[in-house]
Amino acid sequence: MDLFVLKSWLIARFSNNERGANLVEYVLLLTFIALLVIVVVTNLGNKVSTKFSSASSQLG
């Protein structure tokens, strides 16, 4: 086994660097917000479409 690879693995394994964990948390939070926005826009879109159809049929 190459000593550089072993050294890199040991540093990564036993260091207290949590930058990757923070990145994962931000990605999960962003994904949750995106899903929430998609659900809200879909539901509002259906309601608005129904209102416009109703108004259009009453006008013409």
PDB file of N, CA and C in Angstrom:
ATOM      1  N   MET A   1       0.844  -1.169   0.000  1.00  0.00           N
ATOM      2  CA  MET A   1       0.000   0.000   0.000  1.00  0.00           C
ATOM      3  C   MET A   1       0.893   1.238   0.000  1.00  0.00           C
ATOM      4  N   ASP A   2       0.517   2.192  -0.777  1.00  0.00           N
ATOM      5  CA  ASP A   2       1.274   3.430  -0.861  1.00  0.00           C
ATOM      6  C   ASP A   2       1.142   4.210   0.446  1.00  0.00           C
ATOM      7  N   LEU A   3       2.240   4.711   0.966  1.00  0.00           N
ATOM      8  CA  LEU A   3       2.225   5.418   2.238  1.00  0.00           C
ATOM      9  C   LEU A   3       1.461   6.737   2.156  1.00  0.00           C
ATOM     10  N   PHE A   4       1.484   7.381   1.006  1.00  0.00           N
ATOM     11  CA  PHE A   4       0.731   8.628   0.843  1.00  0.00           C
ATOM     12  C   PHE A   4      -0.762   8.383   0.985  1.00  0.00           C
ATOM     13  N   VAL A   5      -1.238   7.308   0.390  1.00  0.00           N
ATOM     14  CA  VAL A   5      -2.656   6.965   0.484  1.00  0.00           C
ATOM     15  C   VAL A   5      -3.015   6.650   1.933  1.00  0.00           C
ATOM     16  N   LEU A   6      -2.174   5.908   2.615  1.00  0.00           N
ATOM     17  CA  LEU A   6      -2.414   5.580   4.017  1.00  0.00           C
ATOM     18  C   LEU A   6      -2.430   6.838   4.872  1.00  0.00           C
ATOM     19  N   LYS A   7      -1.469   7.732   4.642  1.00  0.00           N
ATOM     20  CA  LYS A   7      -1.412   8.977   5.391  1.00  0.00           C
ATOM     21  C   LYS A   7      -2.662   9.818   5.141  1.00  0.00           C
ATOM     22  N   SER A   8      -3.084   9.933   3.892  1.00  0.00           N
ATOM     23  CA  SER A   8      -4.281  10.704   3.556  1.00  0.00           C
ATOM     24  C   SER A   8      -5.521  10.110   4.205  1.00  0.00           C
ATOM     25  N   TRP A   9      -5.632   8.798   4.198  1.00  0.00           N
ATOM     26  CA  TRP A   9      -6.782   8.139   4.809  1.00  0.00           C
ATOM     27  C   TRP A   9      -6.806   8.370   6.320  1.00  0.00           C
ATOM     28  N   LEU A  10      -5.652   8.266   6.959  1.00  0.00           N
ATOM     29  CA  LEU A  10      -5.589   8.478   8.405  1.00  0.00           C
ATOM     30  C   LEU A  10      -5.949   9.915   8.776  1.00  0.00           C
ATOM     31  N   ILE A  11      -5.464  10.873   8.012  1.00  0.00           N
ATOM     32  CA  ILE A  11      -5.796  12.270   8.281  1.00  0.00           C
ATOM     33  C   ILE A  11      -7.294  12.508   8.103  1.00  0.00           C
ATOM     34  N   ALA A  12      -7.846  11.978   7.045  1.00  0.00           N
ATOM     35  CA  ALA A  12      -9.277  12.162   6.793  1.00  0.00           C
ATOM     36  C   ALA A  12     -10.127  11.455   7.853  1.00  0.00           C
ATOM     37  N   ARG A  13      -9.661  10.315   8.298  1.00  0.00           N
ATOM     38  CA  ARG A  13     -10.431   9.522   9.255  1.00  0.00           C
ATOM     39  C   ARG A  13     -10.430  10.131  10.648  1.00  0.00           C
ATOM     40  N   PHE A  14      -9.326  10.671  11.088  1.00  0.00           N
ATOM     41  CA  PHE A  14      -9.204  11.110  12.466  1.00  0.00           C
ATOM     42  C   PHE A  14      -9.156  12.626  12.640  1.00  0.00           C
ATOM     43  N   SER A  15      -9.368  13.386  11.596  1.00  0.00           N
ATOM     44  CA  SER A  15      -9.379  14.839  11.754  1.00  0.00           C
ATOM     45  C   SER A  15     -10.766  15.291  12.206  1.00  0.00           C
ATOM     46  N   ASN A  16     -10.825  16.482  12.746  1.00  0.00           N
ATOM     47  CA  ASN A  16     -12.093  17.023  13.238  1.00  0.00           C
ATOM     48  C   ASN A  16     -12.715  17.990  12.246  1.00  0.00           C
ATOM     49  N   ASN A  17     -12.425  17.826  10.999  1.00  0.00           N
ATOM     50  CA  ASN A  17     -12.972  18.689   9.967  1.00  0.00           C
ATOM     51  C   ASN A  17     -14.382  18.225   9.625  1.00  0.00           C
ATOM     52  N   GLU A  18     -15.369  19.109   9.799  1.00  0.00           N
ATOM     53  CA  GLU A  18     -16.757  18.743   9.540  1.00  0.00           C
ATOM     54  C   GLU A  18     -17.356  19.561   8.403  1.00  0.00           C
ATOM     55  N   ARG A  19     -16.518  20.059   7.506  1.00  0.00           N
ATOM     56  CA  ARG A  19     -17.033  20.852   6.398  1.00  0.00           C
ATOM     57  C   ARG A  19     -17.954  20.036   5.505  1.00  0.00           C
ATOM     58  N   GLY A  20     -17.633  18.790   5.286  1.00  0.00           N
ATOM     59  CA  GLY A  20     -18.477  17.939   4.453  1.00  0.00           C
ATOM     60  C   GLY A  20     -19.829  17.695   5.076  1.00  0.00           C
ATOM     61  N   ALA A  21     -19.870  17.548   6.399  1.00  0.00           N
ATOM     62  CA  ALA A  21     -21.138  17.337   7.101  1.00  0.00           C
ATOM     63  C   ALA A  21     -22.024  18.567   6.963  1.00  0.00           C
ATOM     64  N   ASN A  22     -21.438  19.753   7.057  1.00  0.00           N
ATOM     65  CA  ASN A  22     -22.222  20.969   6.890  1.00  0.00           C
ATOM     66  C   ASN A  22     -22.781  21.065   5.484  1.00  0.00           C
ATOM     67  N   LEU A  23     -21.998  20.679   4.510  1.00  0.00           N
ATOM     68  CA  LEU A  23     -22.455  20.720   3.128  1.00  0.00           C
ATOM     69  C   LEU A  23     -23.638  19.773   2.927  1.00  0.00           C
ATOM     70  N   VAL A  24     -23.563  18.595   3.499  1.00  0.00           N
ATOM     71  CA  VAL A  24     -24.655  17.629   3.383  1.00  0.00           C
ATOM     72  C   VAL A  24     -25.918  18.186   4.032  1.00  0.00           C
ATOM     73  N   GLU A  25     -25.777  18.826   5.184  1.00  0.00           N
ATOM     74  CA  GLU A  25     -26.943  19.406   5.855  1.00  0.00           C
ATOM     75  C   GLU A  25     -27.571  20.507   5.001  1.00  0.00           C
ATOM     76  N   TYR A  26     -26.751  21.347   4.382  1.00  0.00           N
ATOM     77  CA  TYR A  26     -27.287  22.404   3.533  1.00  0.00           C
ATOM     78  C   TYR A  26     -27.987  21.831   2.308  1.00  0.00           C
ATOM     79  N   VAL A  27     -27.434  20.784   1.727  1.00  0.00           N
ATOM     80  CA  VAL A  27     -28.060  20.163   0.557  1.00  0.00           C
ATOM     81  C   VAL A  27     -29.397  19.538   0.938  1.00  0.00           C
ATOM     82  N   LEU A  28     -29.455  18.872   2.085  1.00  0.00           N
ATOM     83  CA  LEU A  28     -30.725  18.288   2.532  1.00  0.00           C
ATOM     84  C   LEU A  28     -31.764  19.368   2.812  1.00  0.00           C
ATOM     85  N   LEU A  29     -31.346  20.463   3.423  1.00  0.00           N
ATOM     86  CA  LEU A  29     -32.266  21.561   3.700  1.00  0.00           C
ATOM     87  C   LEU A  29     -32.761  22.190   2.403  1.00  0.00           C
ATOM     88  N   LEU A  30     -31.876  22.388   1.463  1.00  0.00           N
ATOM     89  CA  LEU A  30     -32.261  22.949   0.169  1.00  0.00           C
ATOM     90  C   LEU A  30     -33.219  22.023  -0.576  1.00  0.00           C
ATOM     91  N   THR A  31     -32.983  20.726  -0.505  1.00  0.00           N
ATOM     92  CA  THR A  31     -33.869  19.757  -1.145  1.00  0.00           C
ATOM     93  C   THR A  31     -35.260  19.795  -0.516  1.00  0.00           C
ATOM     94  N   PHE A  32     -35.309  19.872   0.814  1.00  0.00           N
ATOM     95  CA  PHE A  32     -36.597  19.944   1.508  1.00  0.00           C
ATOM     96  C   PHE A  32     -37.355  21.201   1.113  1.00  0.00           C
ATOM     97  N   ILE A  33     -36.670  22.337   1.055  1.00  0.00           N
ATOM     98  CA  ILE A  33     -37.321  23.591   0.679  1.00  0.00           C
ATOM     99  C   ILE A  33     -37.818  23.524  -0.765  1.00  0.00           C
ATOM    100  N   ALA A  34     -37.025  22.947  -1.654  1.00  0.00           N
ATOM    101  CA  ALA A  34     -37.430  22.828  -3.066  1.00  0.00           C
ATOM    102  C   ALA A  34     -38.670  21.955  -3.198  1.00  0.00           C
ATOM    103  N   LEU A  35     -38.718  20.843  -2.481  1.00  0.00           N
ATOM    104  CA  LEU A  35     -39.896  19.973  -2.525  1.00  0.00           C
ATOM    105  C   LEU A  35     -41.122  20.684  -1.973  1.00  0.00           C
ATOM    106  N   LEU A  36     -40.957  21.436  -0.903  1.00  0.00           N
ATOM    107  CA  LEU A  36     -42.055  22.183  -0.318  1.00  0.00           C
ATOM    108  C   LEU A  36     -42.582  23.226  -1.297  1.00  0.00           C
ATOM    109  N   VAL A  37     -41.686  23.924  -1.974  1.00  0.00           N
ATOM    110  CA  VAL A  37     -42.097  24.931  -2.958  1.00  0.00           C
ATOM    111  C   VAL A  37     -42.837  24.271  -4.122  1.00  0.00           C
ATOM    112  N   ILE A  38     -42.370  23.136  -4.578  1.00  0.00           N
ATOM    113  CA  ILE A  38     -43.027  22.433  -5.687  1.00  0.00           C
ATOM    114  C   ILE A  38     -44.447  22.026  -5.302  1.00  0.00           C
ATOM    115  N   VAL A  39     -44.614  21.505  -4.094  1.00  0.00           N
ATOM    116  CA  VAL A  39     -45.949  21.082  -3.642  1.00  0.00           C
ATOM    117  C   VAL A  39     -46.881  22.294  -3.529  1.00  0.00           C
ATOM    118  N   VAL A  40     -46.394  23.373  -2.954  1.00  0.00           N
ATOM    119  CA  VAL A  40     -47.234  24.568  -2.782  1.00  0.00           C
ATOM    120  C   VAL A  40     -47.605  25.165  -4.133  1.00  0.00           C
ATOM    121  N   VAL A  41     -46.656  25.277  -5.038  1.00  0.00           N
ATOM    122  CA  VAL A  41     -46.944  25.853  -6.354  1.00  0.00           C
ATOM    123  C   VAL A  41     -47.914  24.973  -7.132  1.00  0.00           C
ATOM    124  N   THR A  42     -47.770  23.677  -7.027  1.00  0.00           N
ATOM    125  CA  THR A  42     -48.691  22.768  -7.719  1.00  0.00           C
ATOM    126  C   THR A  42     -50.115  22.927  -7.198  1.00  0.00           C
ATOM    127  N   ASN A  43     -50.249  22.965  -5.873  1.00  0.00           N
ATOM    128  CA  ASN A  43     -51.587  23.120  -5.297  1.00  0.00           C
ATOM    129  C   ASN A  43     -52.190  24.479  -5.618  1.00  0.00           C
ATOM    130  N   LEU A  44     -51.412  25.536  -5.503  1.00  0.00           N
ATOM    131  CA  LEU A  44     -51.922  26.865  -5.838  1.00  0.00           C
ATOM    132  C   LEU A  44     -52.216  26.980  -7.319  1.00  0.00           C
ATOM    133  N   GLY A  45     -51.413  26.349  -8.142  1.00  0.00           N
ATOM    134  CA  GLY A  45     -51.642  26.392  -9.585  1.00  0.00           C
ATOM    135  C   GLY A  45     -52.966  25.769  -9.960  1.00  0.00           C
ATOM    136  N   ASN A  46     -53.298  24.660  -9.334  1.00  0.00           N
ATOM    137  CA  ASN A  46     -54.584  24.013  -9.612  1.00  0.00           C
ATOM    138  C   ASN A  46     -55.741  24.889  -9.167  1.00  0.00           C
ATOM    139  N   LYS A  47     -55.637  25.514  -8.013  1.00  0.00           N
ATOM    140  CA  LYS A  47     -56.714  26.375  -7.514  1.00  0.00           C
ATOM    141  C   LYS A  47     -56.878  27.616  -8.387  1.00  0.00           C
ATOM    142  N   VAL A  48     -55.769  28.216  -8.798  1.00  0.00           N
ATOM    143  CA  VAL A  48     -55.834  29.405  -9.642  1.00  0.00           C
ATOM    144  C   VAL A  48     -56.404  29.039 -11.007  1.00  0.00           C
ATOM    145  N   SER A  49     -56.017  27.902 -11.531  1.00  0.00           N
ATOM    146  CA  SER A  49     -56.548  27.460 -12.820  1.00  0.00           C
ATOM    147  C   SER A  49     -58.062  27.267 -12.747  1.00  0.00           C
ATOM    148  N   THR A  50     -58.536  26.716 -11.658  1.00  0.00           N
ATOM    149  CA  THR A  50     -59.984  26.524 -11.475  1.00  0.00           C
ATOM    150  C   THR A  50     -60.691  27.871 -11.407  1.00  0.00           C
ATOM    151  N   LYS A  51     -60.120  28.818 -10.695  1.00  0.00           N
ATOM    152  CA  LYS A  51     -60.730  30.156 -10.578  1.00  0.00           C
ATOM    153  C   LYS A  51     -60.782  30.845 -11.947  1.00  0.00           C
ATOM    154  N   PHE A  52     -59.706  30.771 -12.724  1.00  0.00           N
ATOM    155  CA  PHE A  52     -59.697  31.393 -14.041  1.00  0.00           C
ATOM    156  C   PHE A  52     -60.696  30.719 -14.976  1.00  0.00           C
ATOM    157  N   SER A  53     -60.819  29.414 -14.890  1.00  0.00           N
ATOM    158  CA  SER A  53     -61.799  28.707 -15.730  1.00  0.00           C
ATOM    159  C   SER A  53     -63.208  29.117 -15.358  1.00  0.00           C
ATOM    160  N   SER A  54     -63.467  29.249 -14.085  1.00  0.00           N
ATOM    161  CA  SER A  54     -64.791  29.674 -13.618  1.00  0.00           C
ATOM    162  C   SER A  54     -65.094  31.096 -14.083  1.00  0.00           C
ATOM    163  N   ALA A  55     -64.147  31.994 -13.944  1.00  0.00           N
ATOM    164  CA  ALA A  55     -64.347  33.372 -14.366  1.00  0.00           C
ATOM    165  C   ALA A  55     -64.529  33.463 -15.880  1.00  0.00           C
ATOM    166  N   SER A  56     -63.777  32.674 -16.615  1.00  0.00           N
ATOM    167  CA  SER A  56     -63.878  32.682 -18.072  1.00  0.00           C
ATOM    168  C   SER A  56     -65.234  32.176 -18.538  1.00  0.00           C
ATOM    169  N   SER A  57     -65.746  31.142 -17.903  1.00  0.00           N
ATOM    170  CA  SER A  57     -67.054  30.615 -18.311  1.00  0.00           C
ATOM    171  C   SER A  57     -68.169  31.585 -17.954  1.00  0.00           C
ATOM    172  N   GLN A  58     -68.024  32.348 -16.887  1.00  0.00           N
ATOM    173  CA  GLN A  58     -69.043  33.323 -16.521  1.00  0.00           C
ATOM    174  C   GLN A  58     -69.031  34.544 -17.461  1.00  0.00           C
ATOM    175  N   LEU A  59     -67.838  34.887 -17.989  1.00  0.00           N
ATOM    176  CA  LEU A  59     -67.748  36.025 -18.887  1.00  0.00           C
ATOM    177  C   LEU A  59     -68.237  35.689 -20.296  1.00  0.00           C
ATOM    178  N   GLY A  60     -67.983  34.522 -20.738  1.00  0.00           N
ATOM    179  CA  GLY A  60     -68.289  34.236 -22.134  1.00  0.00           C
ATOM    180  C   GLY A  60     -69.197  33.102 -22.261  1.00  0.00           C
TER     181      GLY A  60
END
